[in-house]
Amino acid sequence: MFILLLVVTLLISLGISIAVMQAFSKSLNAILHRIIADAISAAWLKYLKFAILVVGVSSGVRVREFEKYIAPSRWDKDAKVVEFTMQRWVLELYQTAIETLQGIAWMLLVFFMFALIAYVIVRIAETKLGESIGKSKPASEFKQIMSSRDDVATTSDKNQN
């Protein structure tokens, strides 16, 4: 029963991690293309997808918690091995789902916080670039430069898909 519980929790956490990875893939891609307008953003996206899988599985499969099913507590002399019941299975599967989502949520929160900081830095740099270009060139040339930059990012988006 212990091995079955381990396999089932692994599959549940893997399934949830893949679902979350697919749900956030487009938004992560858009954020990375906005912050890093370069081909390296595709590599960062792959890394983030991998990190979602690793964090989800490692958070969802709580191997140390499963020790209670194979050995009694070391601290209690009268302790017994916890028995598998239907209620125990439901509780373990629920905890697997929650822990998987919680681990991924923390990882994405940290990513989005740093992405927000990077976005502010990019916006400040664009504003300063716009002011320096605006002083030396007419506004129409500035708009043309900025639109060509966006066209390059859009073209790389299409090439990625």
C-alpha atoms as a PDB file:
ATOM      1  CA  MET A   1       0.000   0.000   0.000  1.00  0.00           C
ATOM      2  CA  PHE A   2       2.873   2.350   0.746  1.00  0.00           C
ATOM      3  CA  ILE A   3       4.299   2.054  -2.769  1.00  0.00           C
ATOM      4  CA  LEU A   4       0.859   2.589  -4.276  1.00  0.00           C
ATOM      5  CA  LEU A   5       0.398   5.755  -2.200  1.00  0.00           C
ATOM      6  CA  LEU A   6       3.803   7.018  -3.308  1.00  0.00           C
ATOM      7  CA  VAL A   7       3.043   6.378  -6.993  1.00  0.00           C
ATOM      8  CA  VAL A   8      -0.439   7.901  -6.798  1.00  0.00           C
ATOM      9  CA  THR A   9       0.803  11.071  -5.066  1.00  0.00           C
ATOM     10  CA  LEU A  10       3.598  11.349  -7.647  1.00  0.00           C
ATOM     11  CA  LEU A  11       1.115  11.094 -10.504  1.00  0.00           C
ATOM     12  CA  ILE A  12      -1.284  13.592  -8.909  1.00  0.00           C
ATOM     13  CA  SER A  13       1.433  16.159  -8.247  1.00  0.00           C
ATOM     14  CA  LEU A  14       2.856  15.656 -11.749  1.00  0.00           C
ATOM     15  CA  GLY A  15      -0.593  16.096 -13.319  1.00  0.00           C
ATOM     16  CA  ILE A  16      -1.331  19.247 -11.341  1.00  0.00           C
ATOM     17  CA  SER A  17       2.116  20.653 -12.149  1.00  0.00           C
ATOM     18  CA  ILE A  18       1.628  20.046 -15.875  1.00  0.00           C
ATOM     19  CA  ALA A  19      -1.821  21.649 -15.781  1.00  0.00           C
ATOM     20  CA  VAL A  20      -0.501  24.739 -13.983  1.00  0.00           C
ATOM     21  CA  MET A  21       2.472  24.909 -16.346  1.00  0.00           C
ATOM     22  CA  GLN A  22       0.157  24.918 -19.365  1.00  0.00           C
ATOM     23  CA  ALA A  23      -2.227  27.418 -17.763  1.00  0.00           C
ATOM     24  CA  PHE A  24       0.559  29.942 -17.097  1.00  0.00           C
ATOM     25  CA  SER A  25       2.654  29.264 -20.198  1.00  0.00           C
ATOM     26  CA  LYS A  26       1.236  32.094 -22.342  1.00  0.00           C
ATOM     27  CA  SER A  27       1.428  34.707 -19.604  1.00  0.00           C
ATOM     28  CA  LEU A  28       4.985  33.682 -18.667  1.00  0.00           C
ATOM     29  CA  ASN A  29       5.952  33.863 -22.339  1.00  0.00           C
ATOM     30  CA  ALA A  30       4.453  37.341 -22.707  1.00  0.00           C
ATOM     31  CA  ILE A  31       6.160  38.610 -19.557  1.00  0.00           C
ATOM     32  CA  LEU A  32       9.534  37.239 -20.590  1.00  0.00           C
ATOM     33  CA  HIS A  33       9.235  38.679 -24.108  1.00  0.00           C
ATOM     34  CA  ARG A  34       8.369  42.067 -22.648  1.00  0.00           C
ATOM     35  CA  ILE A  35      11.247  42.100 -20.189  1.00  0.00           C
ATOM     36  CA  ILE A  36      13.807  40.250 -22.319  1.00  0.00           C
ATOM     37  CA  ALA A  37      13.172  41.188 -25.945  1.00  0.00           C
ATOM     38  CA  ASP A  38      15.647  38.604 -27.172  1.00  0.00           C
ATOM     39  CA  ALA A  39      15.769  34.957 -28.207  1.00  0.00           C
ATOM     40  CA  ILE A  40      17.011  34.035 -24.731  1.00  0.00           C
ATOM     41  CA  SER A  41      13.487  34.540 -23.385  1.00  0.00           C
ATOM     42  CA  ALA A  42      12.554  31.175 -24.939  1.00  0.00           C
ATOM     43  CA  ALA A  43      15.270  29.491 -22.887  1.00  0.00           C
ATOM     44  CA  TRP A  44      14.041  31.233 -19.740  1.00  0.00           C
ATOM     45  CA  LEU A  45      10.506  30.051 -20.506  1.00  0.00           C
ATOM     46  CA  LYS A  46      11.711  26.446 -20.769  1.00  0.00           C
ATOM     47  CA  TYR A  47      13.552  26.825 -17.478  1.00  0.00           C
ATOM     48  CA  LEU A  48      10.455  28.240 -15.753  1.00  0.00           C
ATOM     49  CA  LYS A  49       8.318  25.378 -17.051  1.00  0.00           C
ATOM     50  CA  PHE A  50      10.871  22.895 -15.748  1.00  0.00           C
ATOM     51  CA  ALA A  51      10.993  24.715 -12.400  1.00  0.00           C
ATOM     52  CA  ILE A  52       7.188  24.533 -12.123  1.00  0.00           C
ATOM     53  CA  LEU A  53       7.344  20.765 -12.614  1.00  0.00           C
ATOM     54  CA  VAL A  54      10.169  20.264 -10.125  1.00  0.00           C
ATOM     55  CA  VAL A  55       8.687  22.525  -7.452  1.00  0.00           C
ATOM     56  CA  GLY A  56       5.233  21.002  -7.898  1.00  0.00           C
ATOM     57  CA  VAL A  57       6.392  17.407  -7.620  1.00  0.00           C
ATOM     58  CA  SER A  58       8.815  18.053  -4.777  1.00  0.00           C
ATOM     59  CA  SER A  59       6.151  19.957  -2.844  1.00  0.00           C
ATOM     60  CA  GLY A  60       3.386  17.452  -3.517  1.00  0.00           C
ATOM     61  CA  VAL A  61       5.220  14.217  -2.772  1.00  0.00           C
ATOM     62  CA  ARG A  62       6.071  14.471   0.910  1.00  0.00           C
ATOM     63  CA  VAL A  63       8.318  11.454   1.417  1.00  0.00           C
ATOM     64  CA  ARG A  64       9.172  12.329   5.026  1.00  0.00           C
ATOM     65  CA  GLU A  65       5.474  12.379   5.897  1.00  0.00           C
ATOM     66  CA  PHE A  66       5.077   8.866   4.489  1.00  0.00           C
ATOM     67  CA  GLU A  67       7.477   7.422   7.061  1.00  0.00           C
ATOM     68  CA  LYS A  68       4.563   7.111   9.473  1.00  0.00           C
ATOM     69  CA  TYR A  69       3.165   4.329   7.262  1.00  0.00           C
ATOM     70  CA  ILE A  70       6.251   2.116   7.441  1.00  0.00           C
ATOM     71  CA  ALA A  71       7.647   2.683  10.949  1.00  0.00           C
ATOM     72  CA  PRO A  72       6.190   3.809  14.280  1.00  0.00           C
ATOM     73  CA  SER A  73       7.251   7.089  15.783  1.00  0.00           C
ATOM     74  CA  ARG A  74      10.669   6.949  17.397  1.00  0.00           C
ATOM     75  CA  TRP A  75       9.647   9.249  20.223  1.00  0.00           C
ATOM     76  CA  ASP A  76       6.619   7.322  21.421  1.00  0.00           C
ATOM     77  CA  LYS A  77       7.206   3.819  22.827  1.00  0.00           C
ATOM     78  CA  ASP A  78       3.562   2.809  22.425  1.00  0.00           C
ATOM     79  CA  ALA A  79       3.212   4.220  18.905  1.00  0.00           C
ATOM     80  CA  LYS A  80       1.953   2.053  16.081  1.00  0.00           C
ATOM     81  CA  VAL A  81       2.246   2.265  12.347  1.00  0.00           C
ATOM     82  CA  VAL A  82      -0.587   4.364  10.930  1.00  0.00           C
ATOM     83  CA  GLU A  83      -3.069   2.195   9.061  1.00  0.00           C
ATOM     84  CA  PHE A  84      -4.339   2.936   5.571  1.00  0.00           C
ATOM     85  CA  THR A  85      -8.042   3.665   5.615  1.00  0.00           C
ATOM     86  CA  MET A  86     -10.282   5.331   3.074  1.00  0.00           C
ATOM     87  CA  GLN A  87     -10.241   8.531   5.142  1.00  0.00           C
ATOM     88  CA  ARG A  88      -6.423   8.440   5.277  1.00  0.00           C
ATOM     89  CA  TRP A  89      -6.231   8.028   1.486  1.00  0.00           C
ATOM     90  CA  VAL A  90      -8.551  10.979   0.894  1.00  0.00           C
ATOM     91  CA  LEU A  91      -6.575  13.114   3.339  1.00  0.00           C
ATOM     92  CA  GLU A  92      -3.225  12.213   1.735  1.00  0.00           C
ATOM     93  CA  LEU A  93      -4.476  12.882  -1.787  1.00  0.00           C
ATOM     94  CA  TYR A  94      -5.992  16.197  -0.716  1.00  0.00           C
ATOM     95  CA  GLN A  95      -2.734  17.207   0.986  1.00  0.00           C
ATOM     96  CA  THR A  96      -0.820  16.237  -2.143  1.00  0.00           C
ATOM     97  CA  ALA A  97      -2.968  18.503  -4.310  1.00  0.00           C
ATOM     98  CA  ILE A  98      -2.805  21.422  -1.881  1.00  0.00           C
ATOM     99  CA  GLU A  99       0.941  21.136  -1.258  1.00  0.00           C
ATOM    100  CA  THR A 100       1.624  20.941  -4.997  1.00  0.00           C
ATOM    101  CA  LEU A 101      -0.398  24.065  -5.693  1.00  0.00           C
ATOM    102  CA  GLN A 102       1.088  25.869  -2.702  1.00  0.00           C
ATOM    103  CA  GLY A 103       4.672  25.181  -3.793  1.00  0.00           C
ATOM    104  CA  ILE A 104       3.986  26.344  -7.352  1.00  0.00           C
ATOM    105  CA  ALA A 105       2.132  29.417  -6.094  1.00  0.00           C
ATOM    106  CA  TRP A 106       5.122  30.496  -3.992  1.00  0.00           C
ATOM    107  CA  MET A 107       7.486  29.987  -6.902  1.00  0.00           C
ATOM    108  CA  LEU A 108       5.295  31.996  -9.269  1.00  0.00           C
ATOM    109  CA  LEU A 109       4.831  34.722  -6.670  1.00  0.00           C
ATOM    110  CA  VAL A 110       8.587  35.174  -6.394  1.00  0.00           C
ATOM    111  CA  PHE A 111       8.930  35.150 -10.199  1.00  0.00           C
ATOM    112  CA  PHE A 112       6.171  37.719 -10.679  1.00  0.00           C
ATOM    113  CA  MET A 113       7.646  39.992  -8.001  1.00  0.00           C
ATOM    114  CA  PHE A 114      11.010  40.025  -9.769  1.00  0.00           C
ATOM    115  CA  ALA A 115       9.278  40.362 -13.143  1.00  0.00           C
ATOM    116  CA  LEU A 116       7.410  43.413 -11.876  1.00  0.00           C
ATOM    117  CA  ILE A 117      10.659  45.003 -10.723  1.00  0.00           C
ATOM    118  CA  ALA A 118      12.262  44.211 -14.090  1.00  0.00           C
ATOM    119  CA  TYR A 119       9.246  45.654 -15.917  1.00  0.00           C
ATOM    120  CA  VAL A 120       9.553  48.923 -14.006  1.00  0.00           C
ATOM    121  CA  ILE A 121      13.255  49.090 -14.858  1.00  0.00           C
ATOM    122  CA  VAL A 122      12.516  48.443 -18.552  1.00  0.00           C
ATOM    123  CA  ARG A 123       9.823  51.134 -18.574  1.00  0.00           C
ATOM    124  CA  ILE A 124      12.166  53.662 -16.969  1.00  0.00           C
ATOM    125  CA  ALA A 125      14.864  52.805 -19.513  1.00  0.00           C
ATOM    126  CA  GLU A 126      12.383  53.160 -22.383  1.00  0.00           C
ATOM    127  CA  THR A 127      11.217  56.509 -21.046  1.00  0.00           C
ATOM    128  CA  LYS A 128      14.792  57.784 -20.762  1.00  0.00           C
ATOM    129  CA  LEU A 129      15.566  56.415 -24.238  1.00  0.00           C
ATOM    130  CA  GLY A 130      12.465  58.127 -25.555  1.00  0.00           C
ATOM    131  CA  GLU A 131      13.491  61.428 -24.021  1.00  0.00           C
ATOM    132  CA  SER A 132      17.012  61.237 -25.445  1.00  0.00           C
ATOM    133  CA  ILE A 133      15.763  60.231 -28.895  1.00  0.00           C
ATOM    134  CA  GLY A 134      12.984  62.782 -28.725  1.00  0.00           C
ATOM    135  CA  LYS A 135      15.477  65.613 -28.171  1.00  0.00           C
ATOM    136  CA  SER A 136      17.618  64.700 -31.153  1.00  0.00           C
ATOM    137  CA  LYS A 137      14.997  63.330 -33.566  1.00  0.00           C
ATOM    138  CA  PRO A 138      11.382  64.116 -34.381  1.00  0.00           C
ATOM    139  CA  ALA A 139       8.634  62.188 -32.606  1.00  0.00           C
ATOM    140  CA  SER A 140       7.688  60.322 -35.782  1.00  0.00           C
ATOM    141  CA  GLU A 141      11.149  58.706 -35.912  1.00  0.00           C
ATOM    142  CA  PHE A 142      10.856  57.725 -32.248  1.00  0.00           C
ATOM    143  CA  LYS A 143       7.496  56.042 -32.892  1.00  0.00           C
ATOM    144  CA  GLN A 144       8.995  54.236 -35.873  1.00  0.00           C
ATOM    145  CA  ILE A 145      11.894  52.923 -33.763  1.00  0.00           C
ATOM    146  CA  MET A 146       9.569  51.738 -30.996  1.00  0.00           C
ATOM    147  CA  SER A 147       7.142  50.067 -33.430  1.00  0.00           C
ATOM    148  CA  SER A 148       9.994  48.230 -35.168  1.00  0.00           C
ATOM    149  CA  ARG A 149      11.109  46.960 -31.740  1.00  0.00           C
ATOM    150  CA  ASP A 150       7.589  45.687 -31.058  1.00  0.00           C
ATOM    151  CA  ASP A 151       7.452  44.111 -34.535  1.00  0.00           C
ATOM    152  CA  VAL A 152      10.645  42.186 -33.810  1.00  0.00           C
ATOM    153  CA  ALA A 153       9.184  40.912 -30.528  1.00  0.00           C
ATOM    154  CA  THR A 154       5.908  39.957 -32.260  1.00  0.00           C
ATOM    155  CA  THR A 155       7.791  38.131 -35.027  1.00  0.00           C
ATOM    156  CA  SER A 156       9.805  36.169 -32.478  1.00  0.00           C
ATOM    157  CA  ASP A 157       6.530  35.306 -30.692  1.00  0.00           C
ATOM    158  CA  LYS A 158       5.128  33.863 -33.915  1.00  0.00           C
ATOM    159  CA  ASN A 159       8.324  31.943 -34.574  1.00  0.00           C
ATOM    160  CA  GLN A 160       8.155  30.391 -31.086  1.00  0.00           C
ATOM    161  CA  ASN A 161       4.611  29.110 -31.656  1.00  0.00           C
END
